[in-house]
Structure formats: structure tokens, C-alpha cells
N, C-alpha and C. Protein backbone atom coordinates (compact mmCIF):
# COMPACT_ATOMS: atom_id res chain seq x y z
N MET A 1 247.42 163.51 151.77
CA MET A 1 248.35 162.49 152.19
C MET A 1 249.44 163.08 153.11
N LYS A 2 249.95 164.27 152.75
CA LYS A 2 250.97 164.91 153.57
C LYS A 2 250.44 165.20 154.96
N LYS A 3 249.18 165.65 155.03
CA LYS A 3 248.59 165.95 156.33
C LYS A 3 248.51 164.70 157.20
N LEU A 4 248.15 163.59 156.60
CA LEU A 4 248.05 162.33 157.34
C LEU A 4 249.41 161.92 157.89
N VAL A 5 250.44 162.03 157.07
CA VAL A 5 251.80 161.68 157.50
C VAL A 5 252.24 162.60 158.64
N LEU A 6 251.99 163.89 158.52
CA LEU A 6 252.36 164.84 159.58
C LEU A 6 251.62 164.53 160.88
N ILE A 7 250.34 164.21 160.77
CA ILE A 7 249.56 163.88 161.97
C ILE A 7 250.12 162.63 162.63
N ILE A 8 250.45 161.62 161.86
CA ILE A 8 251.01 160.39 162.42
C ILE A 8 252.36 160.66 163.08
N LEU A 9 253.23 161.41 162.42
CA LEU A 9 254.53 161.75 163.01
C LEU A 9 254.38 162.58 164.28
N PHE A 10 253.49 163.55 164.24
CA PHE A 10 253.24 164.41 165.41
C PHE A 10 252.75 163.57 166.59
N THR A 11 251.79 162.69 166.33
CA THR A 11 251.24 161.83 167.38
C THR A 11 252.30 160.89 167.93
N ALA A 12 253.08 160.29 167.05
CA ALA A 12 254.13 159.37 167.49
C ALA A 12 255.17 160.08 168.35
N PHE A 13 255.56 161.29 167.94
CA PHE A 13 256.55 162.04 168.70
C PHE A 13 256.04 162.37 170.09
N PHE A 14 254.84 162.92 170.18
CA PHE A 14 254.34 163.35 171.48
C PHE A 14 253.94 162.19 172.36
N SER A 15 253.52 161.07 171.81
CA SER A 15 253.20 159.93 172.66
C SER A 15 254.47 159.30 173.22
N SER A 16 255.59 159.46 172.52
CA SER A 16 256.85 158.92 173.03
C SER A 16 257.44 159.81 174.12
N CYS A 17 256.93 161.02 174.30
CA CYS A 17 257.44 161.93 175.32
C CYS A 17 256.90 161.61 176.71
N LYS A 18 255.92 160.76 176.79
CA LYS A 18 255.29 160.45 178.07
C LYS A 18 256.22 159.59 178.92
N LYS A 19 256.73 160.17 180.00
CA LYS A 19 257.66 159.48 180.87
C LYS A 19 256.96 158.77 182.02
N TYR A 20 255.85 159.33 182.50
CA TYR A 20 255.18 158.81 183.67
C TYR A 20 253.86 158.15 183.28
N PRO A 21 253.52 157.02 183.90
CA PRO A 21 252.32 156.27 183.50
C PRO A 21 251.03 157.10 183.49
N GLU A 22 250.87 157.98 184.45
CA GLU A 22 249.64 158.77 184.56
C GLU A 22 249.85 160.23 184.13
N GLY A 23 251.01 160.52 183.62
CA GLY A 23 251.35 161.91 183.30
C GLY A 23 250.90 162.36 181.93
N ALA A 24 251.14 163.61 181.68
CA ALA A 24 250.80 164.21 180.40
C ALA A 24 251.76 163.69 179.33
N ALA A 25 251.28 163.66 178.10
CA ALA A 25 252.12 163.22 176.99
C ALA A 25 253.22 164.23 176.71
N TYR A 26 252.93 165.51 176.97
CA TYR A 26 253.91 166.54 176.66
C TYR A 26 253.66 167.74 177.55
N SER A 27 254.74 168.42 177.93
CA SER A 27 254.63 169.64 178.73
C SER A 27 255.70 170.62 178.29
N LEU A 28 255.35 171.88 178.27
CA LEU A 28 256.34 172.91 177.97
C LEU A 28 257.20 173.22 179.19
N LEU A 29 256.74 172.82 180.36
CA LEU A 29 257.50 173.05 181.59
C LEU A 29 258.46 171.89 181.82
N THR A 30 259.65 172.18 182.31
CA THR A 30 260.61 171.12 182.62
C THR A 30 260.12 170.32 183.82
N LYS A 31 260.67 169.14 183.99
CA LYS A 31 260.31 168.30 185.13
C LYS A 31 260.66 169.00 186.45
N LYS A 32 261.80 169.65 186.47
CA LYS A 32 262.24 170.37 187.67
C LYS A 32 261.25 171.50 188.00
N THR A 33 260.82 172.23 187.00
CA THR A 33 259.86 173.32 187.21
C THR A 33 258.53 172.78 187.72
N ARG A 34 258.09 171.64 187.17
CA ARG A 34 256.82 171.06 187.62
C ARG A 34 256.91 170.53 189.05
N LEU A 35 258.06 169.98 189.42
CA LEU A 35 258.21 169.43 190.78
C LEU A 35 258.37 170.55 191.82
N ALA A 36 259.00 171.64 191.44
CA ALA A 36 259.23 172.76 192.36
C ALA A 36 257.90 173.46 192.63
N ASN A 37 257.32 173.18 193.79
CA ASN A 37 255.97 173.65 194.07
C ASN A 37 255.66 173.47 195.55
N SER A 38 254.50 173.90 195.94
CA SER A 38 253.97 173.65 197.28
C SER A 38 252.86 172.61 197.13
N TRP A 39 252.97 171.52 197.89
CA TRP A 39 252.09 170.37 197.72
C TRP A 39 251.36 170.00 199.00
N ARG A 40 250.14 169.53 198.85
CA ARG A 40 249.40 168.93 199.97
C ARG A 40 248.81 167.62 199.48
N VAL A 41 248.60 166.69 200.40
CA VAL A 41 248.08 165.37 200.05
C VAL A 41 246.59 165.48 199.76
N ASP A 42 246.21 165.04 198.57
CA ASP A 42 244.80 164.98 198.18
C ASP A 42 244.23 163.60 198.47
N SER A 43 245.04 162.56 198.24
CA SER A 43 244.62 161.20 198.57
C SER A 43 245.84 160.34 198.86
N TYR A 44 245.62 159.29 199.62
CA TYR A 44 246.70 158.41 200.06
C TYR A 44 246.19 156.98 200.03
N PHE A 45 247.02 156.06 199.51
CA PHE A 45 246.64 154.66 199.39
C PHE A 45 247.73 153.77 199.98
N GLU A 46 247.31 152.71 200.68
CA GLU A 46 248.23 151.68 201.15
C GLU A 46 247.82 150.37 200.51
N ASN A 47 248.75 149.76 199.80
CA ASN A 47 248.49 148.51 199.09
C ASN A 47 247.21 148.58 198.27
N GLY A 48 246.97 149.73 197.65
CA GLY A 48 245.82 149.91 196.78
C GLY A 48 244.53 150.31 197.46
N THR A 49 244.53 150.37 198.79
CA THR A 49 243.33 150.73 199.55
C THR A 49 243.39 152.20 199.94
N ASP A 50 242.30 152.91 199.70
CA ASP A 50 242.24 154.33 200.05
C ASP A 50 242.26 154.49 201.57
N LYS A 51 243.31 155.14 202.06
CA LYS A 51 243.48 155.38 203.50
C LYS A 51 243.63 156.88 203.77
N THR A 52 243.03 157.70 202.91
CA THR A 52 243.17 159.15 203.02
C THR A 52 242.68 159.66 204.38
N THR A 53 241.54 159.18 204.83
CA THR A 53 240.98 159.64 206.11
C THR A 53 241.93 159.34 207.26
N ASP A 54 242.46 158.12 207.29
CA ASP A 54 243.42 157.75 208.34
C ASP A 54 244.69 158.60 208.26
N PHE A 55 245.20 158.78 207.05
CA PHE A 55 246.41 159.58 206.85
C PHE A 55 246.21 161.00 207.38
N ASN A 56 245.09 161.62 207.02
CA ASN A 56 244.83 162.99 207.46
C ASN A 56 244.66 163.10 208.96
N ALA A 57 244.15 162.06 209.61
CA ALA A 57 244.00 162.07 211.06
C ALA A 57 245.36 161.99 211.76
N ILE A 58 246.27 161.24 211.17
CA ILE A 58 247.60 161.05 211.78
C ILE A 58 248.54 162.20 211.41
N PHE A 59 248.59 162.56 210.14
CA PHE A 59 249.54 163.57 209.63
C PHE A 59 248.77 164.84 209.26
N GLN A 60 248.29 165.53 210.26
CA GLN A 60 247.44 166.70 210.03
C GLN A 60 248.24 167.85 209.41
N GLY A 61 247.65 168.46 208.37
CA GLY A 61 248.28 169.60 207.72
C GLY A 61 249.53 169.26 206.94
N TYR A 62 249.64 168.02 206.46
CA TYR A 62 250.82 167.58 205.71
C TYR A 62 251.07 168.52 204.54
N PHE A 63 252.25 169.11 204.54
CA PHE A 63 252.60 170.13 203.54
C PHE A 63 254.04 169.92 203.10
N LEU A 64 254.24 169.78 201.80
CA LEU A 64 255.56 169.58 201.23
C LEU A 64 255.87 170.74 200.28
N SER A 65 257.03 171.33 200.45
CA SER A 65 257.47 172.42 199.58
C SER A 65 258.80 172.03 198.96
N THR A 66 258.88 172.12 197.64
CA THR A 66 260.12 171.83 196.93
C THR A 66 260.49 173.03 196.07
N ASN A 67 261.79 173.27 195.92
CA ASN A 67 262.18 174.40 195.06
C ASN A 67 263.16 173.95 193.99
N LYS A 68 263.39 174.82 193.03
CA LYS A 68 264.26 174.49 191.89
C LYS A 68 265.72 174.30 192.30
N ASN A 69 266.11 174.84 193.45
CA ASN A 69 267.49 174.69 193.92
C ASN A 69 267.77 173.30 194.47
N GLY A 70 266.74 172.45 194.54
CA GLY A 70 266.93 171.09 195.04
C GLY A 70 266.72 170.95 196.53
N ASN A 71 266.06 171.91 197.15
CA ASN A 71 265.75 171.82 198.58
C ASN A 71 264.28 171.51 198.78
N TYR A 72 263.98 170.86 199.90
CA TYR A 72 262.58 170.62 200.24
C TYR A 72 262.37 170.86 201.72
N SER A 73 261.13 171.10 202.09
CA SER A 73 260.74 171.16 203.50
C SER A 73 259.39 170.46 203.62
N LEU A 74 259.22 169.81 204.75
CA LEU A 74 258.02 169.02 205.02
C LEU A 74 257.51 169.40 206.40
N PHE A 75 256.21 169.57 206.51
CA PHE A 75 255.61 169.90 207.80
C PHE A 75 254.31 169.13 207.97
N TYR A 76 254.06 168.67 209.19
CA TYR A 76 252.75 168.14 209.58
C TYR A 76 252.68 168.11 211.10
N LYS A 77 251.48 167.96 211.61
CA LYS A 77 251.25 167.80 213.04
C LYS A 77 250.88 166.34 213.27
N LEU A 78 251.73 165.61 213.96
CA LEU A 78 251.50 164.21 214.24
C LEU A 78 250.37 164.08 215.26
N TYR A 79 249.28 163.45 214.87
CA TYR A 79 248.08 163.30 215.70
C TYR A 79 247.59 164.65 216.24
N GLY A 80 247.88 165.71 215.53
CA GLY A 80 247.39 167.03 215.91
C GLY A 80 248.10 167.66 217.08
N THR A 81 249.17 167.03 217.57
CA THR A 81 249.84 167.58 218.76
C THR A 81 251.32 167.89 218.56
N LEU A 82 252.03 167.02 217.87
CA LEU A 82 253.48 167.16 217.75
C LEU A 82 253.85 167.70 216.38
N ASP A 83 254.51 168.86 216.33
CA ASP A 83 254.95 169.43 215.06
C ASP A 83 256.13 168.63 214.51
N TRP A 84 256.02 168.20 213.27
CA TRP A 84 257.11 167.53 212.57
C TRP A 84 257.59 168.46 211.47
N ILE A 85 258.85 168.84 211.53
CA ILE A 85 259.44 169.69 210.51
C ILE A 85 260.70 169.00 210.02
N GLU A 86 260.77 168.83 208.71
CA GLU A 86 261.92 168.17 208.11
C GLU A 86 262.35 168.99 206.90
N SER A 87 263.63 169.05 206.69
CA SER A 87 264.13 169.71 205.48
C SER A 87 265.27 168.88 204.94
N GLY A 88 265.59 169.13 203.69
CA GLY A 88 266.67 168.37 203.06
C GLY A 88 266.81 168.74 201.61
N VAL A 89 267.39 167.81 200.86
CA VAL A 89 267.61 168.03 199.43
C VAL A 89 266.89 166.94 198.64
N TRP A 90 266.47 167.32 197.44
CA TRP A 90 265.85 166.35 196.54
C TRP A 90 266.61 166.35 195.22
N LYS A 91 266.55 165.21 194.54
CA LYS A 91 267.23 165.07 193.26
C LYS A 91 266.54 163.98 192.45
N PHE A 92 266.39 164.23 191.15
CA PHE A 92 265.85 163.20 190.27
C PHE A 92 266.87 162.08 190.11
N SER A 93 266.38 160.85 189.88
CA SER A 93 267.25 159.76 189.47
C SER A 93 267.75 160.06 188.06
N SER A 94 268.73 159.33 187.60
CA SER A 94 269.31 159.62 186.28
C SER A 94 268.30 159.53 185.15
N ASP A 95 267.30 158.65 185.26
CA ASP A 95 266.28 158.54 184.22
C ASP A 95 265.07 159.45 184.48
N LYS A 96 265.10 160.18 185.58
CA LYS A 96 264.05 161.12 185.98
C LYS A 96 262.69 160.45 186.21
N LYS A 97 262.70 159.15 186.48
CA LYS A 97 261.47 158.45 186.79
C LYS A 97 261.24 158.38 188.30
N LYS A 98 262.25 158.77 189.07
CA LYS A 98 262.16 158.77 190.52
C LYS A 98 262.74 160.06 191.07
N VAL A 99 262.34 160.39 192.29
CA VAL A 99 262.94 161.52 192.98
C VAL A 99 263.39 161.01 194.35
N ASN A 100 264.60 161.38 194.73
CA ASN A 100 265.17 160.98 196.02
C ASN A 100 265.18 162.20 196.94
N LEU A 101 264.70 162.00 198.15
CA LEU A 101 264.70 163.05 199.17
C LEU A 101 265.61 162.60 200.30
N VAL A 102 266.60 163.43 200.63
CA VAL A 102 267.54 163.12 201.71
C VAL A 102 267.39 164.17 202.79
N ALA A 103 267.00 163.72 203.98
CA ALA A 103 266.76 164.63 205.10
C ALA A 103 268.09 165.14 205.67
N THR A 104 268.13 166.44 205.93
CA THR A 104 269.29 167.06 206.55
C THR A 104 269.44 166.52 207.97
N GLY A 105 270.66 166.27 208.38
CA GLY A 105 270.93 165.79 209.74
C GLY A 105 270.90 164.28 209.82
N SER A 106 269.72 163.67 209.62
CA SER A 106 269.60 162.22 209.75
C SER A 106 270.13 161.49 208.53
N GLY A 107 270.07 162.13 207.37
CA GLY A 107 270.49 161.47 206.13
C GLY A 107 269.50 160.43 205.63
N ASN A 108 268.31 160.38 206.26
CA ASN A 108 267.29 159.42 205.82
C ASN A 108 266.94 159.66 204.36
N LEU A 109 266.89 158.58 203.59
CA LEU A 109 266.59 158.65 202.18
C LEU A 109 265.20 158.10 201.90
N SER A 110 264.42 158.88 201.18
CA SER A 110 263.13 158.42 200.67
C SER A 110 263.21 158.44 199.15
N THR A 111 262.80 157.35 198.53
CA THR A 111 262.79 157.27 197.08
C THR A 111 261.35 157.15 196.61
N TRP A 112 260.94 158.09 195.78
CA TRP A 112 259.58 158.11 195.27
C TRP A 112 259.61 157.86 193.77
N ARG A 113 258.86 156.84 193.33
CA ARG A 113 258.68 156.59 191.90
C ARG A 113 257.52 157.47 191.41
N ILE A 114 257.77 158.26 190.40
CA ILE A 114 256.79 159.22 189.92
C ILE A 114 255.81 158.55 188.96
N LEU A 115 254.52 158.68 189.27
CA LEU A 115 253.47 158.18 188.40
C LEU A 115 252.90 159.29 187.54
N LYS A 116 252.81 160.48 188.13
CA LYS A 116 252.24 161.64 187.42
C LYS A 116 252.96 162.87 187.91
N LEU A 117 253.35 163.73 186.97
CA LEU A 117 254.01 164.99 187.34
C LEU A 117 253.48 166.09 186.42
N LYS A 118 252.58 166.87 186.98
CA LYS A 118 252.06 168.05 186.29
C LYS A 118 252.34 169.24 187.19
N ASN A 119 252.12 170.44 186.69
CA ASN A 119 252.42 171.59 187.54
C ASN A 119 251.43 171.73 188.69
N THR A 120 250.30 171.02 188.65
CA THR A 120 249.33 171.09 189.75
C THR A 120 249.07 169.73 190.40
N GLU A 121 249.68 168.66 189.89
CA GLU A 121 249.49 167.32 190.44
C GLU A 121 250.80 166.54 190.45
N LEU A 122 250.98 165.79 191.53
CA LEU A 122 252.14 164.92 191.67
C LEU A 122 251.66 163.62 192.31
N TRP A 123 251.82 162.51 191.60
CA TRP A 123 251.48 161.20 192.14
C TRP A 123 252.77 160.39 192.26
N VAL A 124 253.00 159.82 193.44
CA VAL A 124 254.22 159.05 193.65
C VAL A 124 253.92 157.79 194.45
N ILE A 125 254.80 156.81 194.29
CA ILE A 125 254.81 155.63 195.15
C ILE A 125 256.11 155.68 195.93
N ASP A 126 255.99 155.61 197.26
CA ASP A 126 257.15 155.62 198.14
C ASP A 126 257.79 154.23 198.12
N GLU A 127 259.00 154.15 197.58
CA GLU A 127 259.70 152.86 197.49
C GLU A 127 260.62 152.62 198.68
N SER A 128 260.49 153.42 199.72
CA SER A 128 261.37 153.30 200.88
C SER A 128 260.98 152.15 201.79
N ASP A 129 259.75 151.67 201.69
CA ASP A 129 259.25 150.59 202.55
C ASP A 129 258.88 149.41 201.65
N ASN A 130 259.53 148.28 201.85
CA ASN A 130 259.26 147.11 201.02
C ASN A 130 258.02 146.34 201.45
N LEU A 131 257.47 146.64 202.61
CA LEU A 131 256.33 145.88 203.12
C LEU A 131 254.99 146.48 202.72
N ILE A 132 254.93 147.80 202.63
CA ILE A 132 253.68 148.49 202.33
C ILE A 132 253.89 149.38 201.10
N VAL A 133 252.98 149.26 200.14
CA VAL A 133 253.03 150.14 198.96
C VAL A 133 252.25 151.40 199.32
N LYS A 134 252.96 152.51 199.47
CA LYS A 134 252.35 153.79 199.84
C LYS A 134 252.30 154.69 198.61
N GLU A 135 251.09 155.07 198.22
CA GLU A 135 250.92 155.94 197.06
C GLU A 135 250.31 157.25 197.51
N TYR A 136 250.97 158.33 197.17
CA TYR A 136 250.52 159.68 197.51
C TYR A 136 250.07 160.40 196.25
N HIS A 137 248.93 161.05 196.34
CA HIS A 137 248.47 161.93 195.27
C HIS A 137 248.48 163.34 195.86
N PHE A 138 249.43 164.15 195.41
CA PHE A 138 249.55 165.51 195.87
C PHE A 138 248.86 166.45 194.87
N ILE A 139 248.36 167.55 195.39
CA ILE A 139 247.88 168.64 194.54
C ILE A 139 248.58 169.91 194.99
N GLN A 140 248.62 170.86 194.08
CA GLN A 140 249.26 172.13 194.39
C GLN A 140 248.52 172.79 195.54
N SER A 141 249.29 173.29 196.49
CA SER A 141 248.70 173.91 197.66
C SER A 141 248.52 175.40 197.47
């Protein structure tokens, strides 16, 4: 009987730790540690439709790097010809369900709602555009 009670309590505790819909129930790594990584786009969706091929053709070599100090850098080649380099700061929202990226210089703000955050996977929905639902699935680069 004691074992059953412990199993139920253990399961209830760890299932309540799940913050992101597609994320792990529990991680020993902090959210900041999991986000601080080098990322590349594995798949991209617009309004639920897989547009990965189109995305890769337009944003060639898309690479995002984030660090624990709250800085990020972004690089890609637009249509394979124009280098795009952006840097700035990132910060979790107060509930840690979103991450805000603010570009240095322009001050442009991107808000990403986190669906999955593992040390090798990051899934987000870009909430910066109200017309198109953009979902990025990043993997560790």
C-alpha cells in the first residue's frame, strides 16, 4: 500500500512539473540552461502547414545561438545572397512560458511561446505576427 501511495505522489508531482505542452515532464537542467544553446531549424510551419522547404530556400543556413548571459545572435543568408546578422538580448516572460528577443539597435521585439524546451530541442510559436502562425522546431546544432 505504501508503494502505491508513493508511486501516485511521485507521478502527480512530476506530471505537475510540465510547463510546456510538448515538453518533458521533468528536467534536471534549468530552463535557462536548456535554452542556452546553438540551434538550427529542423522544421517550420505556417498556419499548421509544413513550409520547411520554402523556409530553407529563403533563410539559408538559419542559425540561432543563445547564451546564459541573456544574449543571442542570429545568422542566415537571405535567398543565398544577402547575409543577415542580428544580435540582441533574450529574456523569459515572468511565467517562463515565453521568451522575448530584443534586437540591438532596432529594438525589434519577437515574442516566442515555448511549446517544447529540451537541451536538444526547442519548439516555439512566434507571436510577433497576428496574421500568420509561425511555428519553429529547432534542434541543437
